[in-house]
Amino acid sequence: MPATLTIRDQTLTPDGDDHVFNLEFPRESITVRELIRERVYQEVEDYNRSPAVTHSFRGLVQPGKPERELNGPRGRAGEVDWKEQFEVATEAFQKRGIVVLIGDRQAESLDETIEIKDGTEVTFLRLVMLVGG
């Protein structure tokens, strides 16, 4: 039976809005690295499969400058590579650009285990504007 984790995004900007969604996992115990990987993979897949209209990418980290320049300033940013996004996200976690809160405690490493139970919520707190890829 899949385990469902509630994800909340927060920023420290006054106009930052919370984004809340659920992710399902095949088991009830995952690492922070697996959480970030699945989250980034799902965001990129959803974006890449969406119609090519003026749909900007909304994810944990944003595509890098070369990718944005190739695809122009307006509209869709084109195909996004989930592996590049995953690398940027894990690096940001390690450099404390992203803080992961599991309930009320802060995750300290990518290999830390998260037990998914009813009501488990994970908050991704972005401390700086992240660009990469």
C-alpha atoms as a PDB file:
ATOM      1  CA  MET A   1       0.000   0.000   0.000  1.00  0.00           C
ATOM      2  CA  PRO A   2       1.525   3.355  -1.002  1.00  0.00           C
ATOM      3  CA  ALA A   3       2.481   5.833   1.693  1.00  0.00           C
ATOM      4  CA  THR A   4       1.419   9.444   1.160  1.00  0.00           C
ATOM      5  CA  LEU A   5       3.535  12.364   2.291  1.00  0.00           C
ATOM      6  CA  THR A   6       2.254  15.944   2.454  1.00  0.00           C
ATOM      7  CA  ILE A   7       4.756  18.452   1.046  1.00  0.00           C
ATOM      8  CA  ARG A   8       4.694  22.169   1.830  1.00  0.00           C
ATOM      9  CA  ASP A   9       6.899  24.781   0.143  1.00  0.00           C
ATOM     10  CA  GLN A  10       7.701  27.999   1.942  1.00  0.00           C
ATOM     11  CA  THR A  11       9.913  30.954   1.173  1.00  0.00           C
ATOM     12  CA  LEU A  12      11.047  33.815   3.358  1.00  0.00           C
ATOM     13  CA  THR A  13       9.764  36.479   0.976  1.00  0.00           C
ATOM     14  CA  PRO A  14       6.739  38.589   1.950  1.00  0.00           C
ATOM     15  CA  ASP A  15       4.897  37.705  -1.253  1.00  0.00           C
ATOM     16  CA  GLY A  16       5.860  34.001  -1.118  1.00  0.00           C
ATOM     17  CA  ASP A  17       2.841  31.739  -1.145  1.00  0.00           C
ATOM     18  CA  ASP A  18       2.748  28.270   0.327  1.00  0.00           C
ATOM     19  CA  HIS A  19       2.401  25.462  -2.163  1.00  0.00           C
ATOM     20  CA  VAL A  20       1.019  22.217  -0.689  1.00  0.00           C
ATOM     21  CA  PHE A  21       0.773  18.878  -2.481  1.00  0.00           C
ATOM     22  CA  ASN A  22       1.066  15.134  -1.857  1.00  0.00           C
ATOM     23  CA  LEU A  23       3.625  12.594  -3.039  1.00  0.00           C
ATOM     24  CA  GLU A  24       3.137   8.842  -2.907  1.00  0.00           C
ATOM     25  CA  PHE A  25       5.909   6.359  -2.174  1.00  0.00           C
ATOM     26  CA  PRO A  26       5.834   2.559  -2.477  1.00  0.00           C
ATOM     27  CA  ARG A  27       7.057   2.133   1.113  1.00  0.00           C
ATOM     28  CA  GLU A  28       6.763   3.907   4.451  1.00  0.00           C
ATOM     29  CA  SER A  29      10.456   4.645   4.948  1.00  0.00           C
ATOM     30  CA  ILE A  30      12.517   6.829   2.587  1.00  0.00           C
ATOM     31  CA  THR A  31      15.639   8.975   2.769  1.00  0.00           C
ATOM     32  CA  VAL A  32      15.750  12.724   2.278  1.00  0.00           C
ATOM     33  CA  ARG A  33      17.684  12.056  -0.961  1.00  0.00           C
ATOM     34  CA  GLU A  34      14.859   9.788  -2.228  1.00  0.00           C
ATOM     35  CA  LEU A  35      12.289  12.426  -1.278  1.00  0.00           C
ATOM     36  CA  ILE A  36      14.121  15.145  -3.198  1.00  0.00           C
ATOM     37  CA  ARG A  37      14.665  12.820  -6.167  1.00  0.00           C
ATOM     38  CA  GLU A  38      10.992  11.831  -6.409  1.00  0.00           C
ATOM     39  CA  ARG A  39       9.800  15.381  -5.909  1.00  0.00           C
ATOM     40  CA  VAL A  40      12.097  16.819  -8.588  1.00  0.00           C
ATOM     41  CA  TYR A  41      11.387  13.950 -10.992  1.00  0.00           C
ATOM     42  CA  GLN A  42       7.613  14.400 -10.631  1.00  0.00           C
ATOM     43  CA  GLU A  43       7.773  18.193 -11.053  1.00  0.00           C
ATOM     44  CA  VAL A  44       9.890  17.920 -14.197  1.00  0.00           C
ATOM     45  CA  GLU A  45       7.785  15.105 -15.696  1.00  0.00           C
ATOM     46  CA  ASP A  46       4.564  17.034 -15.045  1.00  0.00           C
ATOM     47  CA  TYR A  47       6.064  20.123 -16.658  1.00  0.00           C
ATOM     48  CA  ASN A  48       7.572  18.320 -19.662  1.00  0.00           C
ATOM     49  CA  ARG A  49       4.264  16.555 -20.386  1.00  0.00           C
ATOM     50  CA  SER A  50       2.158  19.700 -20.116  1.00  0.00           C
ATOM     51  CA  PRO A  51       1.018  21.509 -23.283  1.00  0.00           C
ATOM     52  CA  ALA A  52       3.552  23.928 -24.746  1.00  0.00           C
ATOM     53  CA  VAL A  53       1.656  27.057 -23.781  1.00  0.00           C
ATOM     54  CA  THR A  54       2.905  29.910 -21.667  1.00  0.00           C
ATOM     55  CA  HIS A  55       3.456  27.641 -18.715  1.00  0.00           C
ATOM     56  CA  SER A  56       6.428  28.509 -16.535  1.00  0.00           C
ATOM     57  CA  PHE A  57       8.287  25.866 -14.575  1.00  0.00           C
ATOM     58  CA  ARG A  58       7.449  25.816 -10.871  1.00  0.00           C
ATOM     59  CA  GLY A  59       9.738  23.533  -8.975  1.00  0.00           C
ATOM     60  CA  LEU A  60      12.082  23.173  -6.053  1.00  0.00           C
ATOM     61  CA  VAL A  61      14.868  24.673  -8.166  1.00  0.00           C
ATOM     62  CA  GLN A  62      14.629  26.547 -11.452  1.00  0.00           C
ATOM     63  CA  PRO A  63      16.312  25.754 -14.791  1.00  0.00           C
ATOM     64  CA  GLY A  64      19.695  27.426 -15.212  1.00  0.00           C
ATOM     65  CA  LYS A  65      20.495  30.527 -17.221  1.00  0.00           C
ATOM     66  CA  PRO A  66      21.760  28.685 -20.351  1.00  0.00           C
ATOM     67  CA  GLU A  67      18.508  26.721 -20.576  1.00  0.00           C
ATOM     68  CA  ARG A  68      16.406  29.849 -20.064  1.00  0.00           C
ATOM     69  CA  GLU A  69      18.391  31.754 -22.712  1.00  0.00           C
ATOM     70  CA  LEU A  70      17.996  28.943 -25.254  1.00  0.00           C
ATOM     71  CA  ASN A  71      14.231  28.972 -24.828  1.00  0.00           C
ATOM     72  CA  GLY A  72      13.685  32.715 -24.654  1.00  0.00           C
ATOM     73  CA  PRO A  73      12.357  35.064 -21.975  1.00  0.00           C
ATOM     74  CA  ARG A  74       8.664  34.416 -22.620  1.00  0.00           C
ATOM     75  CA  GLY A  75       6.511  31.380 -22.364  1.00  0.00           C
ATOM     76  CA  ARG A  76       7.594  27.860 -21.763  1.00  0.00           C
ATOM     77  CA  ALA A  77      11.197  27.148 -20.819  1.00  0.00           C
ATOM     78  CA  GLY A  78      11.325  23.995 -23.008  1.00  0.00           C
ATOM     79  CA  GLU A  79      12.314  20.528 -21.856  1.00  0.00           C
ATOM     80  CA  VAL A  80      13.799  20.409 -18.374  1.00  0.00           C
ATOM     81  CA  ASP A  81      16.285  17.680 -17.378  1.00  0.00           C
ATOM     82  CA  TRP A  82      15.250  16.111 -14.063  1.00  0.00           C
ATOM     83  CA  LYS A  83      18.757  14.784 -13.371  1.00  0.00           C
ATOM     84  CA  GLU A  84      20.266  18.269 -13.577  1.00  0.00           C
ATOM     85  CA  GLN A  85      17.485  19.635 -11.391  1.00  0.00           C
ATOM     86  CA  PHE A  86      18.067  16.823  -8.866  1.00  0.00           C
ATOM     87  CA  GLU A  87      21.803  17.608  -8.692  1.00  0.00           C
ATOM     88  CA  VAL A  88      21.098  21.301  -8.143  1.00  0.00           C
ATOM     89  CA  ALA A  89      18.511  20.514  -5.454  1.00  0.00           C
ATOM     90  CA  THR A  90      20.761  18.110  -3.516  1.00  0.00           C
ATOM     91  CA  GLU A  91      23.635  20.593  -3.694  1.00  0.00           C
ATOM     92  CA  ALA A  92      21.330  23.347  -2.426  1.00  0.00           C
ATOM     93  CA  PHE A  93      20.288  21.108   0.486  1.00  0.00           C
ATOM     94  CA  GLN A  94      23.919  20.409   1.364  1.00  0.00           C
ATOM     95  CA  LYS A  95      24.783  24.129   1.201  1.00  0.00           C
ATOM     96  CA  ARG A  96      21.696  25.011   3.298  1.00  0.00           C
ATOM     97  CA  GLY A  97      19.959  26.887   0.493  1.00  0.00           C
ATOM     98  CA  ILE A  98      17.053  24.528   1.092  1.00  0.00           C
ATOM     99  CA  VAL A  99      16.059  23.418   4.564  1.00  0.00           C
ATOM    100  CA  VAL A 100      13.917  20.298   4.901  1.00  0.00           C
ATOM    101  CA  LEU A 101      11.711  20.123   7.980  1.00  0.00           C
ATOM    102  CA  ILE A 102      10.187  16.759   8.845  1.00  0.00           C
ATOM    103  CA  GLY A 103       7.351  17.701  11.132  1.00  0.00           C
ATOM    104  CA  ASP A 104       9.068  20.084  13.550  1.00  0.00           C
ATOM    105  CA  ARG A 105      12.667  18.888  13.175  1.00  0.00           C
ATOM    106  CA  GLN A 106      15.263  19.780  10.573  1.00  0.00           C
ATOM    107  CA  ALA A 107      16.776  17.068   8.365  1.00  0.00           C
ATOM    108  CA  GLU A 108      20.559  17.093   8.702  1.00  0.00           C
ATOM    109  CA  SER A 109      21.670  14.811   5.860  1.00  0.00           C
ATOM    110  CA  LEU A 110      20.534  13.392   2.548  1.00  0.00           C
ATOM    111  CA  ASP A 111      20.754   9.892   4.016  1.00  0.00           C
ATOM    112  CA  GLU A 112      18.466  10.659   6.965  1.00  0.00           C
ATOM    113  CA  THR A 113      15.402   8.413   7.073  1.00  0.00           C
ATOM    114  CA  ILE A 114      11.845   9.718   6.979  1.00  0.00           C
ATOM    115  CA  GLU A 115       9.115   7.468   8.389  1.00  0.00           C
ATOM    116  CA  ILE A 116       5.879   8.186   6.530  1.00  0.00           C
ATOM    117  CA  LYS A 117       2.879   7.910   8.835  1.00  0.00           C
ATOM    118  CA  ASP A 118      -0.603   9.428   8.735  1.00  0.00           C
ATOM    119  CA  GLY A 119      -0.227  13.178   8.959  1.00  0.00           C
ATOM    120  CA  THR A 120       3.506  13.306   8.205  1.00  0.00           C
ATOM    121  CA  GLU A 121       4.301  16.668   6.652  1.00  0.00           C
ATOM    122  CA  VAL A 122       7.589  17.786   5.137  1.00  0.00           C
ATOM    123  CA  THR A 123       8.333  21.462   4.579  1.00  0.00           C
ATOM    124  CA  PHE A 124      10.851  22.671   2.027  1.00  0.00           C
ATOM    125  CA  LEU A 125      12.051  26.114   3.116  1.00  0.00           C
ATOM    126  CA  ARG A 126      13.934  27.967   0.387  1.00  0.00           C
ATOM    127  CA  LEU A 127      16.305  30.483   1.897  1.00  0.00           C
ATOM    128  CA  VAL A 128      17.550  32.023  -1.362  1.00  0.00           C
ATOM    129  CA  MET A 129      16.426  32.253  -4.967  1.00  0.00           C
ATOM    130  CA  LEU A 130      17.810  29.113  -6.554  1.00  0.00           C
ATOM    131  CA  VAL A 131      18.905  28.891 -10.146  1.00  0.00           C
ATOM    132  CA  GLY A 132      20.829  26.033 -11.667  1.00  0.00           C
ATOM    133  CA  GLY A 133      20.805  23.209 -14.073  1.00  0.00           C
END
